[in-house]
N, C-alpha and C. Protein backbone atom coordinates (compact mmCIF):
# COMPACT_ATOMS: atom_id res chain seq x y z
N UNK A 1 -15.25 -15.20 7.61
CA UNK A 1 -14.64 -14.62 8.78
C UNK A 1 -15.35 -15.19 10.01
N UNK A 2 -14.57 -15.56 10.99
CA UNK A 2 -15.17 -16.08 12.22
C UNK A 2 -15.77 -14.94 13.03
N UNK A 3 -16.61 -15.28 14.00
CA UNK A 3 -17.20 -14.24 14.84
C UNK A 3 -16.13 -13.51 15.64
N UNK A 4 -15.08 -14.21 16.04
CA UNK A 4 -13.99 -13.57 16.78
C UNK A 4 -13.28 -12.55 15.89
N UNK A 5 -13.06 -12.92 14.63
CA UNK A 5 -12.40 -12.01 13.69
C UNK A 5 -13.29 -10.81 13.41
N UNK A 6 -14.58 -11.05 13.25
CA UNK A 6 -15.52 -9.95 13.02
C UNK A 6 -15.52 -8.98 14.20
N UNK A 7 -15.42 -9.49 15.42
CA UNK A 7 -15.38 -8.64 16.62
C UNK A 7 -14.10 -7.81 16.63
N UNK A 8 -12.98 -8.45 16.28
CA UNK A 8 -11.71 -7.72 16.22
C UNK A 8 -11.80 -6.61 15.18
N UNK A 9 -12.37 -6.93 14.02
CA UNK A 9 -12.53 -5.92 12.97
C UNK A 9 -13.41 -4.77 13.44
N UNK A 10 -14.50 -5.09 14.07
CA UNK A 10 -15.41 -4.06 14.59
C UNK A 10 -14.68 -3.15 15.58
N UNK A 11 -13.92 -3.76 16.49
CA UNK A 11 -13.15 -2.97 17.47
C UNK A 11 -12.09 -2.12 16.77
N UNK A 12 -11.43 -2.70 15.78
CA UNK A 12 -10.38 -1.98 15.07
C UNK A 12 -10.95 -0.78 14.32
N UNK A 13 -12.11 -0.95 13.71
CA UNK A 13 -12.72 0.15 12.96
C UNK A 13 -13.15 1.30 13.86
N UNK A 14 -13.30 1.02 15.14
CA UNK A 14 -13.67 2.07 16.10
C UNK A 14 -12.47 2.88 16.57
N UNK A 15 -11.27 2.44 16.25
CA UNK A 15 -10.05 3.14 16.66
C UNK A 15 -9.87 4.43 15.86
N UNK A 16 -9.14 5.39 16.43
CA UNK A 16 -8.79 6.59 15.65
C UNK A 16 -7.94 6.20 14.44
N UNK A 17 -7.95 7.04 13.43
CA UNK A 17 -7.27 6.74 12.17
C UNK A 17 -5.80 6.37 12.37
N UNK A 18 -5.08 7.13 13.16
CA UNK A 18 -3.64 6.87 13.36
C UNK A 18 -3.42 5.48 13.96
N UNK A 19 -4.28 5.09 14.90
CA UNK A 19 -4.14 3.77 15.51
C UNK A 19 -4.49 2.66 14.53
N UNK A 20 -5.49 2.91 13.66
CA UNK A 20 -5.81 1.92 12.62
C UNK A 20 -4.64 1.76 11.66
N UNK A 21 -3.99 2.89 11.30
CA UNK A 21 -2.82 2.81 10.41
C UNK A 21 -1.72 1.98 11.05
N UNK A 22 -1.47 2.21 12.33
CA UNK A 22 -0.43 1.45 13.03
C UNK A 22 -0.79 -0.03 13.09
N UNK A 23 -2.07 -0.32 13.29
CA UNK A 23 -2.52 -1.72 13.34
C UNK A 23 -2.35 -2.40 11.99
N UNK A 24 -2.70 -1.69 10.92
CA UNK A 24 -2.54 -2.24 9.57
C UNK A 24 -1.07 -2.56 9.31
N UNK A 25 -0.18 -1.63 9.66
CA UNK A 25 1.25 -1.86 9.46
C UNK A 25 1.74 -3.06 10.25
N UNK A 26 1.29 -3.17 11.50
CA UNK A 26 1.71 -4.30 12.33
C UNK A 26 1.21 -5.62 11.75
N UNK A 27 -0.03 -5.65 11.28
CA UNK A 27 -0.56 -6.87 10.68
C UNK A 27 0.16 -7.21 9.38
N UNK A 28 0.41 -6.19 8.57
CA UNK A 28 1.13 -6.42 7.30
C UNK A 28 2.53 -6.96 7.58
N UNK A 29 3.20 -6.37 8.56
CA UNK A 29 4.55 -6.82 8.90
C UNK A 29 4.58 -8.24 9.43
N UNK A 30 3.44 -8.70 9.98
CA UNK A 30 3.39 -10.05 10.53
C UNK A 30 3.22 -11.12 9.46
N UNK A 31 2.87 -10.71 8.25
CA UNK A 31 2.67 -11.68 7.17
C UNK A 31 4.00 -12.09 6.56
N UNK A 32 4.07 -13.32 6.18
CA UNK A 32 5.26 -13.84 5.52
C UNK A 32 5.26 -13.37 4.07
N UNK A 33 6.22 -12.56 3.68
CA UNK A 33 6.20 -12.05 2.30
C UNK A 33 6.31 -13.16 1.26
N UNK A 34 6.78 -14.31 1.64
CA UNK A 34 6.91 -15.41 0.69
C UNK A 34 5.56 -16.03 0.35
N UNK A 35 4.51 -15.70 1.14
CA UNK A 35 3.19 -16.27 0.86
C UNK A 35 2.53 -15.62 -0.35
N UNK A 36 3.00 -14.47 -0.77
CA UNK A 36 2.46 -13.79 -1.93
C UNK A 36 3.20 -14.29 -3.16
N UNK A 37 2.46 -14.87 -4.06
CA UNK A 37 3.08 -15.39 -5.27
C UNK A 37 2.74 -14.48 -6.45
N UNK A 38 3.77 -13.99 -7.09
CA UNK A 38 3.58 -13.16 -8.27
C UNK A 38 3.92 -13.96 -9.51
N UNK A 39 3.27 -13.61 -10.58
CA UNK A 39 3.59 -14.27 -11.85
C UNK A 39 5.00 -13.86 -12.27
N UNK A 40 5.63 -14.68 -13.08
CA UNK A 40 6.96 -14.30 -13.58
C UNK A 40 6.94 -12.96 -14.31
N UNK A 41 5.83 -12.64 -14.98
CA UNK A 41 5.72 -11.37 -15.70
C UNK A 41 5.75 -10.20 -14.71
N UNK A 42 5.00 -10.30 -13.62
CA UNK A 42 4.98 -9.22 -12.63
C UNK A 42 6.33 -9.10 -11.93
N UNK A 43 6.93 -10.23 -11.62
CA UNK A 43 8.25 -10.20 -10.98
C UNK A 43 9.25 -9.48 -11.88
N UNK A 44 9.22 -9.79 -13.17
CA UNK A 44 10.11 -9.12 -14.13
C UNK A 44 9.82 -7.64 -14.23
N UNK A 45 8.55 -7.29 -14.25
CA UNK A 45 8.17 -5.88 -14.34
C UNK A 45 8.65 -5.11 -13.11
N UNK A 46 8.49 -5.68 -11.96
CA UNK A 46 8.94 -5.04 -10.71
C UNK A 46 10.46 -4.85 -10.75
N UNK A 47 11.18 -5.88 -11.16
CA UNK A 47 12.65 -5.76 -11.26
C UNK A 47 13.05 -4.66 -12.23
N UNK A 48 12.36 -4.60 -13.38
CA UNK A 48 12.67 -3.56 -14.37
C UNK A 48 12.42 -2.16 -13.81
N UNK A 49 11.32 -1.99 -13.12
CA UNK A 49 10.99 -0.67 -12.57
C UNK A 49 11.97 -0.26 -11.48
N UNK A 50 12.37 -1.20 -10.65
CA UNK A 50 13.37 -0.90 -9.62
C UNK A 50 14.67 -0.48 -10.27
N UNK A 51 15.08 -1.22 -11.31
CA UNK A 51 16.33 -0.90 -12.01
C UNK A 51 16.26 0.49 -12.64
N UNK A 52 15.11 0.84 -13.22
CA UNK A 52 14.95 2.17 -13.83
C UNK A 52 15.05 3.28 -12.78
N UNK A 53 14.47 3.05 -11.63
CA UNK A 53 14.55 4.05 -10.55
C UNK A 53 15.98 4.17 -10.05
N UNK A 54 16.61 3.02 -9.80
CA UNK A 54 17.98 3.05 -9.26
C UNK A 54 18.98 3.65 -10.24
N UNK A 55 18.75 3.47 -11.53
CA UNK A 55 19.66 4.03 -12.54
C UNK A 55 19.39 5.50 -12.83
N UNK A 56 18.27 5.99 -12.36
CA UNK A 56 17.91 7.38 -12.63
C UNK A 56 17.15 7.54 -13.94
N UNK A 57 16.92 6.45 -14.65
CA UNK A 57 16.20 6.50 -15.93
C UNK A 57 14.75 6.91 -15.73
N UNK A 58 14.13 6.44 -14.65
CA UNK A 58 12.73 6.79 -14.36
C UNK A 58 12.67 8.07 -13.56
N UNK A 59 11.72 8.92 -13.91
CA UNK A 59 11.53 10.16 -13.18
C UNK A 59 10.47 9.91 -12.11
N UNK A 60 10.84 10.13 -10.87
CA UNK A 60 9.88 9.95 -9.79
C UNK A 60 9.24 11.29 -9.44
N UNK A 61 8.07 11.22 -8.83
CA UNK A 61 7.33 12.42 -8.45
C UNK A 61 7.09 12.35 -6.95
N UNK A 62 7.41 13.41 -6.22
CA UNK A 62 7.18 13.40 -4.77
C UNK A 62 5.70 13.20 -4.45
N UNK A 63 5.43 12.50 -3.35
CA UNK A 63 4.06 12.19 -2.98
C UNK A 63 3.19 13.44 -2.86
N UNK A 64 3.69 14.52 -2.28
CA UNK A 64 2.85 15.70 -2.10
C UNK A 64 2.37 16.25 -3.44
N UNK A 65 3.20 16.13 -4.47
CA UNK A 65 2.80 16.58 -5.81
C UNK A 65 1.74 15.64 -6.40
N UNK A 66 1.93 14.35 -6.23
CA UNK A 66 0.95 13.37 -6.71
C UNK A 66 -0.38 13.59 -6.00
N UNK A 67 -0.32 13.77 -4.69
CA UNK A 67 -1.53 13.99 -3.89
C UNK A 67 -2.26 15.24 -4.36
N UNK A 68 -1.52 16.30 -4.63
CA UNK A 68 -2.13 17.55 -5.10
C UNK A 68 -2.79 17.34 -6.46
N UNK A 69 -2.14 16.61 -7.36
CA UNK A 69 -2.71 16.34 -8.68
C UNK A 69 -4.01 15.55 -8.56
N UNK A 70 -4.00 14.54 -7.69
CA UNK A 70 -5.21 13.72 -7.49
C UNK A 70 -6.33 14.57 -6.93
N UNK A 71 -6.02 15.36 -5.91
CA UNK A 71 -7.05 16.22 -5.30
C UNK A 71 -7.62 17.19 -6.32
N UNK A 72 -6.76 17.80 -7.13
CA UNK A 72 -7.22 18.74 -8.15
C UNK A 72 -8.11 18.04 -9.16
N UNK A 73 -7.72 16.84 -9.57
CA UNK A 73 -8.48 16.07 -10.53
C UNK A 73 -9.87 15.72 -9.98
N UNK A 74 -9.92 15.35 -8.71
CA UNK A 74 -11.18 14.96 -8.11
C UNK A 74 -12.12 16.15 -7.89
N UNK A 75 -11.57 17.32 -7.64
CA UNK A 75 -12.42 18.49 -7.42
C UNK A 75 -13.00 19.04 -8.71
N UNK A 76 -12.37 18.72 -9.85
CA UNK A 76 -12.88 19.17 -11.14
C UNK A 76 -14.11 18.40 -11.56
N UNK A 77 -14.31 17.22 -11.02
CA UNK A 77 -15.41 16.35 -11.48
C UNK A 77 -16.66 16.59 -10.70
């Protein structure tokens, strides 16, 4: 990382959480999605999972329920 990048990171880490989230989203959106190369196996797996969700075959769980399960699991340890 260059010193300029390190300075930007330092400044970004000093931002409030909501502003850091917005910055992360903006940076992610600026990346070319074609630069990420997935193996054919992962591409196939992603397609299969999307098809299962769209067909209703896969049961999805709302985020608040998943979050509650994770929190409960972490507090037990």
